[in-house]
Amino acid sequence: MIIVNTDYITGKQFEMLGLVSGSTIQSKHIGKDIGASFKTLVGGELKGYTEMMNEARSVATRRMVEVATQLGADAIVNVRFASSAVMQGAAEVIVYGTAVKFI
């Protein structure tokens, strides 16, 4: 599956199949939250949260690809990510794009 954030794929013509998306909500356990709280006092990267968001993007992307595959898509164009805090220490990640079939 080709996944791009542009509205074209060089050298390919395609028909649009429709909007596809995937999402997940993830959180870290309380121990990671406490550690992150201390880290905010001195500054720097909150690695536990970086890992959580990377994993969330991966899960959401995999779910989007599964939907596109069910539609018979060859690629997904115009892919975008969005995230939002759901509650303290939990975030939703959604990825969406247009499933296309090569002609």
C-alpha atoms as a PDB file:
ATOM      1  CA  MET A   1       0.000   0.000   0.000  1.00  0.00           C
ATOM      2  CA  ILE A   2       1.376   3.379  -1.023  1.00  0.00           C
ATOM      3  CA  ILE A   3       0.660   6.121   1.517  1.00  0.00           C
ATOM      4  CA  VAL A   4       1.424   9.747   0.625  1.00  0.00           C
ATOM      5  CA  ASN A   5       0.515  13.171   1.960  1.00  0.00           C
ATOM      6  CA  THR A   6       0.155  14.634  -1.547  1.00  0.00           C
ATOM      7  CA  ASP A   7      -2.893  14.538  -3.793  1.00  0.00           C
ATOM      8  CA  TYR A   8      -0.964  12.770  -6.548  1.00  0.00           C
ATOM      9  CA  ILE A   9       1.477   9.916  -7.097  1.00  0.00           C
ATOM     10  CA  THR A  10       3.976  10.639  -9.850  1.00  0.00           C
ATOM     11  CA  GLY A  11       3.341   8.492 -12.908  1.00  0.00           C
ATOM     12  CA  LYS A  12       0.058   7.057 -11.595  1.00  0.00           C
ATOM     13  CA  GLN A  13      -3.525   7.742 -12.562  1.00  0.00           C
ATOM     14  CA  PHE A  14      -6.237   6.660 -10.191  1.00  0.00           C
ATOM     15  CA  GLU A  15      -9.873   6.773  -9.311  1.00  0.00           C
ATOM     16  CA  MET A  16     -10.996   7.791  -5.848  1.00  0.00           C
ATOM     17  CA  LEU A  17     -12.696   5.158  -3.728  1.00  0.00           C
ATOM     18  CA  GLY A  18     -13.492   7.306  -0.706  1.00  0.00           C
ATOM     19  CA  LEU A  19     -12.376   8.623   2.629  1.00  0.00           C
ATOM     20  CA  VAL A  20     -10.643   6.168   4.959  1.00  0.00           C
ATOM     21  CA  SER A  21      -9.507   6.676   8.523  1.00  0.00           C
ATOM     22  CA  GLY A  22      -8.091   4.936  11.547  1.00  0.00           C
ATOM     23  CA  SER A  23      -7.848   6.027  15.145  1.00  0.00           C
ATOM     24  CA  THR A  24      -6.787   4.988  18.610  1.00  0.00           C
ATOM     25  CA  ILE A  25      -6.760   6.395  22.116  1.00  0.00           C
ATOM     26  CA  GLN A  26      -3.743   5.534  24.219  1.00  0.00           C
ATOM     27  CA  SER A  27      -2.406   6.364  27.649  1.00  0.00           C
ATOM     28  CA  LYS A  28       0.624   5.662  29.765  1.00  0.00           C
ATOM     29  CA  HIS A  29       0.420   4.065  33.192  1.00  0.00           C
ATOM     30  CA  ILE A  30       0.538   6.142  36.359  1.00  0.00           C
ATOM     31  CA  GLY A  31       4.272   5.513  36.898  1.00  0.00           C
ATOM     32  CA  LYS A  32       5.083   7.120  33.549  1.00  0.00           C
ATOM     33  CA  ASP A  33       2.787  10.047  34.383  1.00  0.00           C
ATOM     34  CA  ILE A  34       4.607  10.682  37.659  1.00  0.00           C
ATOM     35  CA  GLY A  35       7.989  10.482  35.920  1.00  0.00           C
ATOM     36  CA  ALA A  36       6.799  12.876  33.212  1.00  0.00           C
ATOM     37  CA  SER A  37       5.567  15.311  35.870  1.00  0.00           C
ATOM     38  CA  PHE A  38       9.048  15.486  37.384  1.00  0.00           C
ATOM     39  CA  LYS A  39      10.602  15.872  33.931  1.00  0.00           C
ATOM     40  CA  THR A  40       8.475  18.961  33.266  1.00  0.00           C
ATOM     41  CA  LEU A  41      10.217  20.664  36.190  1.00  0.00           C
ATOM     42  CA  VAL A  42      13.634  20.481  34.540  1.00  0.00           C
ATOM     43  CA  GLY A  43      12.611  20.412  30.866  1.00  0.00           C
ATOM     44  CA  GLY A  44      13.462  18.059  28.062  1.00  0.00           C
ATOM     45  CA  GLU A  45      11.772  15.383  26.010  1.00  0.00           C
ATOM     46  CA  LEU A  46       9.100  13.240  27.637  1.00  0.00           C
ATOM     47  CA  LYS A  47      10.280  10.014  26.028  1.00  0.00           C
ATOM     48  CA  GLY A  48       7.453   7.898  27.410  1.00  0.00           C
ATOM     49  CA  TYR A  49       4.921  10.164  25.732  1.00  0.00           C
ATOM     50  CA  THR A  50       6.935  10.296  22.515  1.00  0.00           C
ATOM     51  CA  GLU A  51       6.874   6.501  22.416  1.00  0.00           C
ATOM     52  CA  MET A  52       3.141   6.493  23.195  1.00  0.00           C
ATOM     53  CA  MET A  53       2.379   8.892  20.339  1.00  0.00           C
ATOM     54  CA  ASN A  54       4.596   6.994  17.879  1.00  0.00           C
ATOM     55  CA  GLU A  55       2.797   3.782  18.776  1.00  0.00           C
ATOM     56  CA  ALA A  56      -0.591   5.489  18.485  1.00  0.00           C
ATOM     57  CA  ARG A  57       0.238   6.831  14.998  1.00  0.00           C
ATOM     58  CA  SER A  58       1.361   3.370  13.943  1.00  0.00           C
ATOM     59  CA  VAL A  59      -1.832   1.704  15.228  1.00  0.00           C
ATOM     60  CA  ALA A  60      -4.068   4.345  13.629  1.00  0.00           C
ATOM     61  CA  THR A  61      -2.231   4.049  10.294  1.00  0.00           C
ATOM     62  CA  ARG A  62      -2.523   0.258  10.342  1.00  0.00           C
ATOM     63  CA  ARG A  63      -6.274   0.550  10.937  1.00  0.00           C
ATOM     64  CA  MET A  64      -6.643   3.048   8.081  1.00  0.00           C
ATOM     65  CA  VAL A  65      -4.753   0.719   5.728  1.00  0.00           C
ATOM     66  CA  GLU A  66      -7.034  -2.174   6.729  1.00  0.00           C
ATOM     67  CA  VAL A  67     -10.097  -0.125   5.742  1.00  0.00           C
ATOM     68  CA  ALA A  68      -8.489   0.906   2.435  1.00  0.00           C
ATOM     69  CA  THR A  69      -7.540  -2.705   1.691  1.00  0.00           C
ATOM     70  CA  GLN A  70     -11.156  -3.785   2.235  1.00  0.00           C
ATOM     71  CA  LEU A  71     -12.159  -1.225  -0.409  1.00  0.00           C
ATOM     72  CA  GLY A  72      -9.607  -2.678  -2.854  1.00  0.00           C
ATOM     73  CA  ALA A  73      -7.357   0.392  -2.756  1.00  0.00           C
ATOM     74  CA  ASP A  74      -3.840   0.477  -4.141  1.00  0.00           C
ATOM     75  CA  ALA A  75      -2.871   3.650  -2.296  1.00  0.00           C
ATOM     76  CA  ILE A  76      -4.011   6.351   0.095  1.00  0.00           C
ATOM     77  CA  VAL A  77      -3.416   9.987  -0.859  1.00  0.00           C
ATOM     78  CA  ASN A  78      -3.739  13.261   1.057  1.00  0.00           C
ATOM     79  CA  VAL A  79      -2.947  11.529   4.348  1.00  0.00           C
ATOM     80  CA  ARG A  80      -3.220  13.712   7.441  1.00  0.00           C
ATOM     81  CA  PHE A  81      -2.759  13.097  11.157  1.00  0.00           C
ATOM     82  CA  ALA A  82      -4.540  14.824  14.019  1.00  0.00           C
ATOM     83  CA  SER A  83      -4.337  14.344  17.755  1.00  0.00           C
ATOM     84  CA  SER A  84      -6.121  15.612  20.801  1.00  0.00           C
ATOM     85  CA  ALA A  85      -5.972  15.146  24.543  1.00  0.00           C
ATOM     86  CA  VAL A  86      -8.860  13.037  25.766  1.00  0.00           C
ATOM     87  CA  MET A  87      -7.970  13.266  29.448  1.00  0.00           C
ATOM     88  CA  GLN A  88      -4.857  13.722  31.556  1.00  0.00           C
ATOM     89  CA  GLY A  89      -2.221  11.357  30.152  1.00  0.00           C
ATOM     90  CA  ALA A  90      -4.380  10.023  27.288  1.00  0.00           C
ATOM     91  CA  ALA A  91      -4.443  11.128  23.670  1.00  0.00           C
ATOM     92  CA  GLU A  92      -6.450  10.279  20.581  1.00  0.00           C
ATOM     93  CA  VAL A  93      -4.684   9.998  17.255  1.00  0.00           C
ATOM     94  CA  ILE A  94      -6.635   9.898  14.012  1.00  0.00           C
ATOM     95  CA  VAL A  95      -5.220   9.479  10.533  1.00  0.00           C
ATOM     96  CA  TYR A  96      -7.286   9.961   7.406  1.00  0.00           C
ATOM     97  CA  GLY A  97      -6.888  10.145   3.655  1.00  0.00           C
ATOM     98  CA  THR A  98      -8.455   9.216   0.337  1.00  0.00           C
ATOM     99  CA  ALA A  99      -8.305   5.594  -0.795  1.00  0.00           C
ATOM    100  CA  VAL A 100      -7.549   5.271  -4.512  1.00  0.00           C
ATOM    101  CA  LYS A 101      -7.378   2.513  -7.138  1.00  0.00           C
ATOM    102  CA  PHE A 102      -4.862   2.722  -9.988  1.00  0.00           C
ATOM    103  CA  ILE A 103      -6.286   2.750 -13.513  1.00  0.00           C
END
